[in-house]
Amino acid sequence: MAAKDVAGVSGLAIRNTDIKSIVKDRSVSPVRVTSVDGAMTITIFICIKDGVRIPDVCDAVQKGIKNSVQSMTGRPVAKVNVIVDDIEFSKESEEKE
């Protein structure tokens, strides 16, 4: 929810299930949470809107997730990895191409 509230994020990325992912035991979920020594590392795959500054959006997503998770759980968040997996193009930009 924290990621979706950031301006420029159109949603979480849809992670396709394929045989390679299943064999390598990779999660197809758009959010992965691991915990080491009580501190969490969160990896999130997002879809952003066309025309936004990617570094600004990713920074806002990192801060939003870290603050939300720490306040809800009371546990420290060591790292938030934001991976831009897709870009949602507007109909206007598609018509120009």
PDB file of N, CA and C in Angstrom:
ATOM      1  N   MET A   1       0.826  -1.200   0.000  1.00  0.00           N
ATOM      2  CA  MET A   1       0.000   0.000   0.000  1.00  0.00           C
ATOM      3  C   MET A   1       0.867   1.259   0.000  1.00  0.00           C
ATOM      4  N   ALA A   2       1.974   1.222   0.743  1.00  0.00           N
ATOM      5  CA  ALA A   2       2.845   2.400   0.816  1.00  0.00           C
ATOM      6  C   ALA A   2       3.414   2.746  -0.553  1.00  0.00           C
ATOM      7  N   ALA A   3       3.741   1.753  -1.345  1.00  0.00           N
ATOM      8  CA  ALA A   3       4.298   1.999  -2.674  1.00  0.00           C
ATOM      9  C   ALA A   3       3.243   2.567  -3.608  1.00  0.00           C
ATOM     10  N   LYS A   4       2.039   2.051  -3.523  1.00  0.00           N
ATOM     11  CA  LYS A   4       0.974   2.503  -4.412  1.00  0.00           C
ATOM     12  C   LYS A   4       0.557   3.941  -4.125  1.00  0.00           C
ATOM     13  N   ASP A   5       0.818   4.430  -2.919  1.00  0.00           N
ATOM     14  CA  ASP A   5       0.455   5.789  -2.550  1.00  0.00           C
ATOM     15  C   ASP A   5       1.414   6.836  -3.101  1.00  0.00           C
ATOM     16  N   VAL A   6       2.544   6.416  -3.644  1.00  0.00           N
ATOM     17  CA  VAL A   6       3.543   7.350  -4.162  1.00  0.00           C
ATOM     18  C   VAL A   6       3.129   7.811  -5.555  1.00  0.00           C
ATOM     19  N   ALA A   7       3.182   9.131  -5.769  1.00  0.00           N
ATOM     20  CA  ALA A   7       2.866   9.686  -7.082  1.00  0.00           C
ATOM     21  C   ALA A   7       3.864   9.148  -8.098  1.00  0.00           C
ATOM     22  N   GLY A   8       3.361   8.684  -9.224  1.00  0.00           N
ATOM     23  CA  GLY A   8       4.214   8.140 -10.271  1.00  0.00           C
ATOM     24  C   GLY A   8       4.219   6.627 -10.315  1.00  0.00           C
ATOM     25  N   VAL A   9       3.736   5.985  -9.261  1.00  0.00           N
ATOM     26  CA  VAL A   9       3.651   4.518  -9.240  1.00  0.00           C
ATOM     27  C   VAL A   9       2.258   4.131  -9.719  1.00  0.00           C
ATOM     28  N   SER A  10       2.210   3.282 -10.757  1.00  0.00           N
ATOM     29  CA  SER A  10       0.898   2.862 -11.244  1.00  0.00           C
ATOM     30  C   SER A  10       0.443   1.564 -10.592  1.00  0.00           C
ATOM     31  N   GLY A  11       1.373   0.860  -9.942  1.00  0.00           N
ATOM     32  CA  GLY A  11       1.006  -0.359  -9.234  1.00  0.00           C
ATOM     33  C   GLY A  11       2.208  -1.263  -9.058  1.00  0.00           C
ATOM     34  N   LEU A  12       1.953  -2.422  -8.499  1.00  0.00           N
ATOM     35  CA  LEU A  12       3.004  -3.412  -8.357  1.00  0.00           C
ATOM     36  C   LEU A  12       3.135  -4.165  -9.675  1.00  0.00           C
ATOM     37  N   ALA A  13       4.346  -4.578  -9.990  1.00  0.00           N
ATOM     38  CA  ALA A  13       4.579  -5.270 -11.246  1.00  0.00           C
ATOM     39  C   ALA A  13       3.983  -6.669 -11.198  1.00  0.00           C
ATOM     40  N   ILE A  14       3.468  -7.103 -12.309  1.00  0.00           N
ATOM     41  CA  ILE A  14       2.931  -8.449 -12.426  1.00  0.00           C
ATOM     42  C   ILE A  14       4.099  -9.360 -12.762  1.00  0.00           C
ATOM     43  N   ARG A  15       4.358 -10.286 -11.877  1.00  0.00           N
ATOM     44  CA  ARG A  15       5.483 -11.209 -12.051  1.00  0.00           C
ATOM     45  C   ARG A  15       4.962 -12.491 -12.666  1.00  0.00           C
ATOM     46  N   ASN A  16       5.366 -12.783 -13.888  1.00  0.00           N
ATOM     47  CA  ASN A  16       4.903 -13.984 -14.581  1.00  0.00           C
ATOM     48  C   ASN A  16       5.587 -15.227 -14.034  1.00  0.00           C
ATOM     49  N   THR A  17       4.827 -16.268 -13.928  1.00  0.00           N
ATOM     50  CA  THR A  17       5.376 -17.551 -13.514  1.00  0.00           C
ATOM     51  C   THR A  17       5.856 -18.280 -14.762  1.00  0.00           C
ATOM     52  N   ASP A  18       7.105 -18.687 -14.746  1.00  0.00           N
ATOM     53  CA  ASP A  18       7.627 -19.491 -15.832  1.00  0.00           C
ATOM     54  C   ASP A  18       8.435 -20.645 -15.248  1.00  0.00           C
ATOM     55  N   ILE A  19       8.791 -21.564 -16.082  1.00  0.00           N
ATOM     56  CA  ILE A  19       9.494 -22.753 -15.610  1.00  0.00           C
ATOM     57  C   ILE A  19      10.847 -22.399 -15.003  1.00  0.00           C
ATOM     58  N   LYS A  20      11.509 -21.381 -15.541  1.00  0.00           N
ATOM     59  CA  LYS A  20      12.810 -20.958 -15.011  1.00  0.00           C
ATOM     60  C   LYS A  20      12.668 -20.475 -13.567  1.00  0.00           C
ATOM     61  N   SER A  21      11.629 -19.712 -13.288  1.00  0.00           N
ATOM     62  CA  SER A  21      11.396 -19.219 -11.933  1.00  0.00           C
ATOM     63  C   SER A  21      11.088 -20.352 -10.972  1.00  0.00           C
ATOM     64  N   ILE A  22      10.327 -21.316 -11.438  1.00  0.00           N
ATOM     65  CA  ILE A  22       9.960 -22.439 -10.582  1.00  0.00           C
ATOM     66  C   ILE A  22      11.184 -23.292 -10.266  1.00  0.00           C
ATOM     67  N   VAL A  23      11.997 -23.577 -11.280  1.00  0.00           N
ATOM     68  CA  VAL A  23      13.184 -24.408 -11.096  1.00  0.00           C
ATOM     69  C   VAL A  23      14.195 -23.739 -10.178  1.00  0.00           C
ATOM     70  N   LYS A  24      14.379 -22.442 -10.349  1.00  0.00           N
ATOM     71  CA  LYS A  24      15.362 -21.721  -9.535  1.00  0.00           C
ATOM     72  C   LYS A  24      14.779 -21.269  -8.201  1.00  0.00           C
ATOM     73  N   ASP A  25      13.530 -21.636  -7.918  1.00  0.00           N
ATOM     74  CA  ASP A  25      12.864 -21.315  -6.662  1.00  0.00           C
ATOM     75  C   ASP A  25      12.823 -19.812  -6.408  1.00  0.00           C
ATOM     76  N   ARG A  26      12.546 -19.068  -7.451  1.00  0.00           N
ATOM     77  CA  ARG A  26      12.405 -17.615  -7.310  1.00  0.00           C
ATOM     78  C   ARG A  26      10.942 -17.282  -7.057  1.00  0.00           C
ATOM     79  N   SER A  27      10.739 -16.336  -6.201  1.00  0.00           N
ATOM     80  CA  SER A  27       9.383 -15.904  -5.901  1.00  0.00           C
ATOM     81  C   SER A  27       8.842 -15.083  -7.060  1.00  0.00           C
ATOM     82  N   VAL A  28       7.572 -15.283  -7.385  1.00  0.00           N
ATOM     83  CA  VAL A  28       6.946 -14.489  -8.429  1.00  0.00           C
ATOM     84  C   VAL A  28       6.117 -13.362  -7.827  1.00  0.00           C
ATOM     85  N   SER A  29       6.152 -13.245  -6.531  1.00  0.00           N
ATOM     86  CA  SER A  29       5.436 -12.183  -5.847  1.00  0.00           C
ATOM     87  C   SER A  29       6.139 -10.844  -6.110  1.00  0.00           C
ATOM     88  N   PRO A  30       5.382  -9.755  -6.232  1.00  0.00           N
ATOM     89  CA  PRO A  30       6.013  -8.454  -6.449  1.00  0.00           C
ATOM     90  C   PRO A  30       6.693  -7.891  -5.194  1.00  0.00           C
ATOM     91  N   VAL A  31       6.518  -8.554  -4.052  1.00  0.00           N
ATOM     92  CA  VAL A  31       7.148  -8.100  -2.804  1.00  0.00           C
ATOM     93  C   VAL A  31       7.825  -9.288  -2.134  1.00  0.00           C
ATOM     94  N   ARG A  32       9.088  -9.114  -1.781  1.00  0.00           N
ATOM     95  CA  ARG A  32       9.830 -10.148  -1.048  1.00  0.00           C
ATOM     96  C   ARG A  32      10.355  -9.527   0.237  1.00  0.00           C
ATOM     97  N   VAL A  33      10.191 -10.246   1.325  1.00  0.00           N
ATOM     98  CA  VAL A  33      10.679  -9.779   2.621  1.00  0.00           C
ATOM     99  C   VAL A  33      11.567 -10.863   3.215  1.00  0.00           C
ATOM    100  N   THR A  34      12.782 -10.479   3.585  1.00  0.00           N
ATOM    101  CA  THR A  34      13.681 -11.395   4.276  1.00  0.00           C
ATOM    102  C   THR A  34      14.103 -10.728   5.577  1.00  0.00           C
ATOM    103  N   SER A  35      14.430 -11.549   6.546  1.00  0.00           N
ATOM    104  CA  SER A  35      14.835 -11.030   7.842  1.00  0.00           C
ATOM    105  C   SER A  35      16.140 -11.682   8.260  1.00  0.00           C
ATOM    106  N   VAL A  36      17.114 -10.850   8.618  1.00  0.00           N
ATOM    107  CA  VAL A  36      18.405 -11.328   9.096  1.00  0.00           C
ATOM    108  C   VAL A  36      18.720 -10.579  10.388  1.00  0.00           C
ATOM    109  N   ASP A  37      18.929 -11.330  11.455  1.00  0.00           N
ATOM    110  CA  ASP A  37      19.240 -10.753  12.760  1.00  0.00           C
ATOM    111  C   ASP A  37      18.218  -9.706  13.200  1.00  0.00           C
ATOM    112  N   GLY A  38      16.962  -9.947  12.877  1.00  0.00           N
ATOM    113  CA  GLY A  38      15.895  -9.053  13.311  1.00  0.00           C
ATOM    114  C   GLY A  38      15.637  -7.862  12.414  1.00  0.00           C
ATOM    115  N   ALA A  39      16.527  -7.593  11.451  1.00  0.00           N
ATOM    116  CA  ALA A  39      16.330  -6.467  10.535  1.00  0.00           C
ATOM    117  C   ALA A  39      15.806  -7.000   9.202  1.00  0.00           C
ATOM    118  N   MET A  40      14.840  -6.311   8.647  1.00  0.00           N
ATOM    119  CA  MET A  40      14.209  -6.756   7.407  1.00  0.00           C
ATOM    120  C   MET A  40      14.840  -6.114   6.183  1.00  0.00           C
ATOM    121  N   THR A  41      14.868  -6.908   5.115  1.00  0.00           N
ATOM    122  CA  THR A  41      15.215  -6.405   3.792  1.00  0.00           C
ATOM    123  C   THR A  41      14.000  -6.657   2.916  1.00  0.00           C
ATOM    124  N   ILE A  42      13.546  -5.608   2.247  1.00  0.00           N
ATOM    125  CA  ILE A  42      12.345  -5.691   1.426  1.00  0.00           C
ATOM    126  C   ILE A  42      12.722  -5.394  -0.015  1.00  0.00           C
ATOM    127  N   THR A  43      12.270  -6.245  -0.919  1.00  0.00           N
ATOM    128  CA  THR A  43      12.456  -6.021  -2.350  1.00  0.00           C
ATOM    129  C   THR A  43      11.075  -5.915  -2.971  1.00  0.00           C
ATOM    130  N   ILE A  44      10.861  -4.842  -3.739  1.00  0.00           N
ATOM    131  CA  ILE A  44       9.554  -4.621  -4.349  1.00  0.00           C
ATOM    132  C   ILE A  44       9.740  -4.314  -5.830  1.00  0.00           C
ATOM    133  N   PHE A  45       8.894  -4.923  -6.647  1.00  0.00           N
ATOM    134  CA  PHE A  45       8.896  -4.703  -8.087  1.00  0.00           C
ATOM    135  C   PHE A  45       7.695  -3.817  -8.410  1.00  0.00           C
ATOM    136  N   ILE A  46       7.954  -2.665  -9.028  1.00  0.00           N
ATOM    137  CA  ILE A  46       6.875  -1.720  -9.285  1.00  0.00           C
ATOM    138  C   ILE A  46       6.740  -1.415 -10.770  1.00  0.00           C
ATOM    139  N   CYS A  47       5.600  -0.881 -11.105  1.00  0.00           N
ATOM    140  CA  CYS A  47       5.311  -0.353 -12.430  1.00  0.00           C
ATOM    141  C   CYS A  47       5.119   1.149 -12.253  1.00  0.00           C
ATOM    142  N   ILE A  48       5.838   1.927 -13.050  1.00  0.00           N
ATOM    143  CA  ILE A  48       5.734   3.383 -12.914  1.00  0.00           C
ATOM    144  C   ILE A  48       5.018   3.981 -14.115  1.00  0.00           C
ATOM    145  N   LYS A  49       4.586   5.210 -13.953  1.00  0.00           N
ATOM    146  CA  LYS A  49       3.911   5.919 -15.026  1.00  0.00           C
ATOM    147  C   LYS A  49       4.941   6.579 -15.934  1.00  0.00           C
ATOM    148  N   ASP A  50       4.600   6.704 -17.187  1.00  0.00           N
ATOM    149  CA  ASP A  50       5.448   7.338 -18.177  1.00  0.00           C
ATOM    150  C   ASP A  50       5.657   8.817 -17.826  1.00  0.00           C
ATOM    151  N   GLY A  51       6.881   9.300 -17.987  1.00  0.00           N
ATOM    152  CA  GLY A  51       7.162  10.714 -17.811  1.00  0.00           C
ATOM    153  C   GLY A  51       7.579  11.130 -16.415  1.00  0.00           C
ATOM    154  N   VAL A  52       7.692  10.198 -15.489  1.00  0.00           N
ATOM    155  CA  VAL A  52       8.117  10.550 -14.129  1.00  0.00           C
ATOM    156  C   VAL A  52       9.623  10.349 -13.999  1.00  0.00           C
ATOM    157  N   ARG A  53      10.230  11.024 -13.028  1.00  0.00           N
ATOM    158  CA  ARG A  53      11.655  10.851 -12.761  1.00  0.00           C
ATOM    159  C   ARG A  53      11.827   9.598 -11.906  1.00  0.00           C
ATOM    160  N   ILE A  54      12.425   8.600 -12.499  1.00  0.00           N
ATOM    161  CA  ILE A  54      12.556   7.302 -11.845  1.00  0.00           C
ATOM    162  C   ILE A  54      13.285   7.398 -10.506  1.00  0.00           C
ATOM    163  N   PRO A  55      14.418   8.111 -10.412  1.00  0.00           N
ATOM    164  CA  PRO A  55      15.101   8.188  -9.109  1.00  0.00           C
ATOM    165  C   PRO A  55      14.233   8.810  -8.010  1.00  0.00           C
ATOM    166  N   ASP A  56      13.453   9.824  -8.369  1.00  0.00           N
ATOM    167  CA  ASP A  56      12.587  10.474  -7.382  1.00  0.00           C
ATOM    168  C   ASP A  56      11.490   9.528  -6.893  1.00  0.00           C
ATOM    169  N   VAL A  57      10.885   8.800  -7.831  1.00  0.00           N
ATOM    170  CA  VAL A  57       9.820   7.868  -7.472  1.00  0.00           C
ATOM    171  C   VAL A  57      10.378   6.749  -6.597  1.00  0.00           C
ATOM    172  N   CYS A  58      11.520   6.193  -6.996  1.00  0.00           N
ATOM    173  CA  CYS A  58      12.122   5.092  -6.224  1.00  0.00           C
ATOM    174  C   CYS A  58      12.504   5.542  -4.817  1.00  0.00           C
ATOM    175  N   ASP A  59      13.045   6.744  -4.692  1.00  0.00           N
ATOM    176  CA  ASP A  59      13.413   7.279  -3.384  1.00  0.00           C
ATOM    177  C   ASP A  59      12.178   7.429  -2.492  1.00  0.00           C
ATOM    178  N   ALA A  60      11.099   7.947  -3.065  1.00  0.00           N
ATOM    179  CA  ALA A  60       9.861   8.111  -2.294  1.00  0.00           C
ATOM    180  C   ALA A  60       9.275   6.755  -1.891  1.00  0.00           C
ATOM    181  N   VAL A  61       9.358   5.758  -2.776  1.00  0.00           N
ATOM    182  CA  VAL A  61       8.865   4.419  -2.456  1.00  0.00           C
ATOM    183  C   VAL A  61       9.691   3.821  -1.319  1.00  0.00           C
ATOM    184  N   GLN A  62      11.015   3.942  -1.395  1.00  0.00           N
ATOM    185  CA  GLN A  62      11.884   3.413  -0.336  1.00  0.00           C
ATOM    186  C   GLN A  62      11.536   4.022   1.016  1.00  0.00           C
ATOM    187  N   LYS A  63      11.442   5.331   1.063  1.00  0.00           N
ATOM    188  CA  LYS A  63      11.137   6.008   2.327  1.00  0.00           C
ATOM    189  C   LYS A  63       9.750   5.636   2.842  1.00  0.00           C
ATOM    190  N   GLY A  64       8.770   5.594   1.946  1.00  0.00           N
ATOM    191  CA  GLY A  64       7.407   5.266   2.356  1.00  0.00           C
ATOM    192  C   GLY A  64       7.282   3.863   2.914  1.00  0.00           C
ATOM    193  N   ILE A  65       7.905   2.907   2.238  1.00  0.00           N
ATOM    194  CA  ILE A  65       7.846   1.516   2.709  1.00  0.00           C
ATOM    195  C   ILE A  65       8.578   1.379   4.036  1.00  0.00           C
ATOM    196  N   LYS A  66       9.767   1.946   4.126  1.00  0.00           N
ATOM    197  CA  LYS A  66      10.543   1.833   5.364  1.00  0.00           C
ATOM    198  C   LYS A  66       9.772   2.407   6.550  1.00  0.00           C
ATOM    199  N   ASN A  67       9.232   3.600   6.393  1.00  0.00           N
ATOM    200  CA  ASN A  67       8.486   4.237   7.488  1.00  0.00           C
ATOM    201  C   ASN A  67       7.231   3.449   7.857  1.00  0.00           C
ATOM    202  N   SER A  68       6.491   2.989   6.855  1.00  0.00           N
ATOM    203  CA  SER A  68       5.248   2.258   7.118  1.00  0.00           C
ATOM    204  C   SER A  68       5.512   0.930   7.824  1.00  0.00           C
ATOM    205  N   VAL A  69       6.478   0.165   7.323  1.00  0.00           N
ATOM    206  CA  VAL A  69       6.749  -1.148   7.900  1.00  0.00           C
ATOM    207  C   VAL A  69       7.314  -1.017   9.311  1.00  0.00           C
ATOM    208  N   GLN A  70       8.221  -0.082   9.513  1.00  0.00           N
ATOM    209  CA  GLN A  70       8.789   0.105  10.858  1.00  0.00           C
ATOM    210  C   GLN A  70       7.734   0.556  11.854  1.00  0.00           C
ATOM    211  N   SER A  71       6.828   1.424  11.430  1.00  0.00           N
ATOM    212  CA  SER A  71       5.799   1.887  12.367  1.00  0.00           C
ATOM    213  C   SER A  71       4.764   0.799  12.648  1.00  0.00           C
ATOM    214  N   MET A  72       4.472  -0.056  11.669  1.00  0.00           N
ATOM    215  CA  MET A  72       3.486  -1.125  11.871  1.00  0.00           C
ATOM    216  C   MET A  72       4.044  -2.293  12.676  1.00  0.00           C
ATOM    217  N   THR A  73       5.304  -2.628  12.427  1.00  0.00           N
ATOM    218  CA  THR A  73       5.871  -3.832  13.051  1.00  0.00           C
ATOM    219  C   THR A  73       6.768  -3.536  14.245  1.00  0.00           C
ATOM    220  N   GLY A  74       7.333  -2.345  14.305  1.00  0.00           N
ATOM    221  CA  GLY A  74       8.276  -2.019  15.362  1.00  0.00           C
ATOM    222  C   GLY A  74       9.645  -2.640  15.140  1.00  0.00           C
ATOM    223  N   ARG A  75       9.836  -3.283  14.001  1.00  0.00           N
ATOM    224  CA  ARG A  75      11.115  -3.899  13.664  1.00  0.00           C
ATOM    225  C   ARG A  75      11.865  -3.024  12.675  1.00  0.00           C
ATOM    226  N   PRO A  76      13.193  -3.004  12.765  1.00  0.00           N
ATOM    227  CA  PRO A  76      13.966  -2.171  11.841  1.00  0.00           C
ATOM    228  C   PRO A  76      13.966  -2.730  10.416  1.00  0.00           C
ATOM    229  N   VAL A  77      13.986  -1.820   9.474  1.00  0.00           N
ATOM    230  CA  VAL A  77      14.112  -2.176   8.061  1.00  0.00           C
ATOM    231  C   VAL A  77      15.503  -1.746   7.628  1.00  0.00           C
ATOM    232  N   ALA A  78      16.344  -2.720   7.299  1.00  0.00           N
ATOM    233  CA  ALA A  78      17.725  -2.429   6.938  1.00  0.00           C
ATOM    234  C   ALA A  78      17.840  -1.889   5.515  1.00  0.00           C
ATOM    235  N   LYS A  79      17.017  -2.430   4.613  1.00  0.00           N
ATOM    236  CA  LYS A  79      17.160  -2.060   3.213  1.00  0.00           C
ATOM    237  C   LYS A  79      15.843  -2.247   2.484  1.00  0.00           C
ATOM    238  N   VAL A  80      15.558  -1.323   1.559  1.00  0.00           N
ATOM    239  CA  VAL A  80      14.404  -1.461   0.675  1.00  0.00           C
ATOM    240  C   VAL A  80      14.924  -1.363  -0.753  1.00  0.00           C
ATOM    241  N   ASN A  81      14.840  -2.472  -1.476  1.00  0.00           N
ATOM    242  CA  ASN A  81      15.248  -2.508  -2.878  1.00  0.00           C
ATOM    243  C   ASN A  81      14.024  -2.274  -3.744  1.00  0.00           C
ATOM    244  N   VAL A  82      14.089  -1.254  -4.602  1.00  0.00           N
ATOM    245  CA  VAL A  82      12.983  -0.951  -5.504  1.00  0.00           C
ATOM    246  C   VAL A  82      13.442  -1.261  -6.922  1.00  0.00           C
ATOM    247  N   ILE A  83      12.713  -2.149  -7.571  1.00  0.00           N
ATOM    248  CA  ILE A  83      13.049  -2.536  -8.932  1.00  0.00           C
ATOM    249  C   ILE A  83      11.911  -2.099  -9.848  1.00  0.00           C
ATOM    250  N   VAL A  84      12.236  -1.237 -10.811  1.00  0.00           N
ATOM    251  CA  VAL A  84      11.250  -0.800 -11.789  1.00  0.00           C
ATOM    252  C   VAL A  84      11.179  -1.885 -12.853  1.00  0.00           C
ATOM    253  N   ASP A  85      10.071  -2.594 -12.854  1.00  0.00           N
ATOM    254  CA  ASP A  85       9.901  -3.754 -13.718  1.00  0.00           C
ATOM    255  C   ASP A  85       9.099  -3.434 -14.970  1.00  0.00           C
ATOM    256  N   ASP A  86       8.372  -2.316 -14.951  1.00  0.00           N
ATOM    257  CA  ASP A  86       7.515  -1.987 -16.081  1.00  0.00           C
ATOM    258  C   ASP A  86       7.205  -0.500 -16.072  1.00  0.00           C
ATOM    259  N   ILE A  87       6.868   0.019 -17.243  1.00  0.00           N
ATOM    260  CA  ILE A  87       6.442   1.413 -17.384  1.00  0.00           C
ATOM    261  C   ILE A  87       5.081   1.408 -18.042  1.00  0.00           C
ATOM    262  N   GLU A  88       4.160   2.135 -17.433  1.00  0.00           N
ATOM    263  CA  GLU A  88       2.818   2.246 -17.989  1.00  0.00           C
ATOM    264  C   GLU A  88       2.771   3.503 -18.853  1.00  0.00           C
ATOM    265  N   PHE A  89       2.638   3.315 -20.161  1.00  0.00           N
ATOM    266  CA  PHE A  89       2.591   4.446 -21.077  1.00  0.00           C
ATOM    267  C   PHE A  89       1.164   4.944 -21.211  1.00  0.00           C
ATOM    268  N   SER A  90       1.033   6.253 -21.286  1.00  0.00           N
ATOM    269  CA  SER A  90      -0.294   6.838 -21.466  1.00  0.00           C
ATOM    270  C   SER A  90      -0.702   6.669 -22.925  1.00  0.00           C
ATOM    271  N   LYS A  91      -1.981   6.765 -23.184  1.00  0.00           N
ATOM    272  CA  LYS A  91      -2.476   6.624 -24.557  1.00  0.00           C
ATOM    273  C   LYS A  91      -1.951   7.746 -25.442  1.00  0.00           C
ATOM    274  N   GLU A  92      -1.745   8.927 -24.859  1.00  0.00           N
ATOM    275  CA  GLU A  92      -1.237  10.065 -25.631  1.00  0.00           C
ATOM    276  C   GLU A  92       0.164   9.791 -26.158  1.00  0.00           C
ATOM    277  N   SER A  93       1.043   9.241 -25.318  1.00  0.00           N
ATOM    278  CA  SER A  93       2.424   8.972 -25.754  1.00  0.00           C
ATOM    279  C   SER A  93       2.455   7.835 -26.766  1.00  0.00           C
ATOM    280  N   GLU A  94       1.532   6.880 -26.662  1.00  0.00           N
ATOM    281  CA  GLU A  94       1.478   5.789 -27.635  1.00  0.00           C
ATOM    282  C   GLU A  94       1.014   6.291 -28.993  1.00  0.00           C
ATOM    283  N   GLU A  95       0.110   7.287 -28.993  1.00  0.00           N
ATOM    284  CA  GLU A  95      -0.398   7.829 -30.259  1.00  0.00           C
ATOM    285  C   GLU A  95       0.670   8.643 -30.975  1.00  0.00           C
ATOM    286  N   LYS A  96       1.583   9.265 -30.241  1.00  0.00           N
ATOM    287  CA  LYS A  96       2.652  10.067 -30.850  1.00  0.00           C
ATOM    288  C   LYS A  96       3.666   9.189 -31.554  1.00  0.00           C
ATOM    289  N   GLU A  97       3.815   7.957 -31.109  1.00  0.00           N
ATOM    290  CA  GLU A  97       4.801   7.049 -31.706  1.00  0.00           C
ATOM    291  C   GLU A  97       4.255   6.500 -32.936  1.00  0.00           C
TER     292      GLU A  97
END
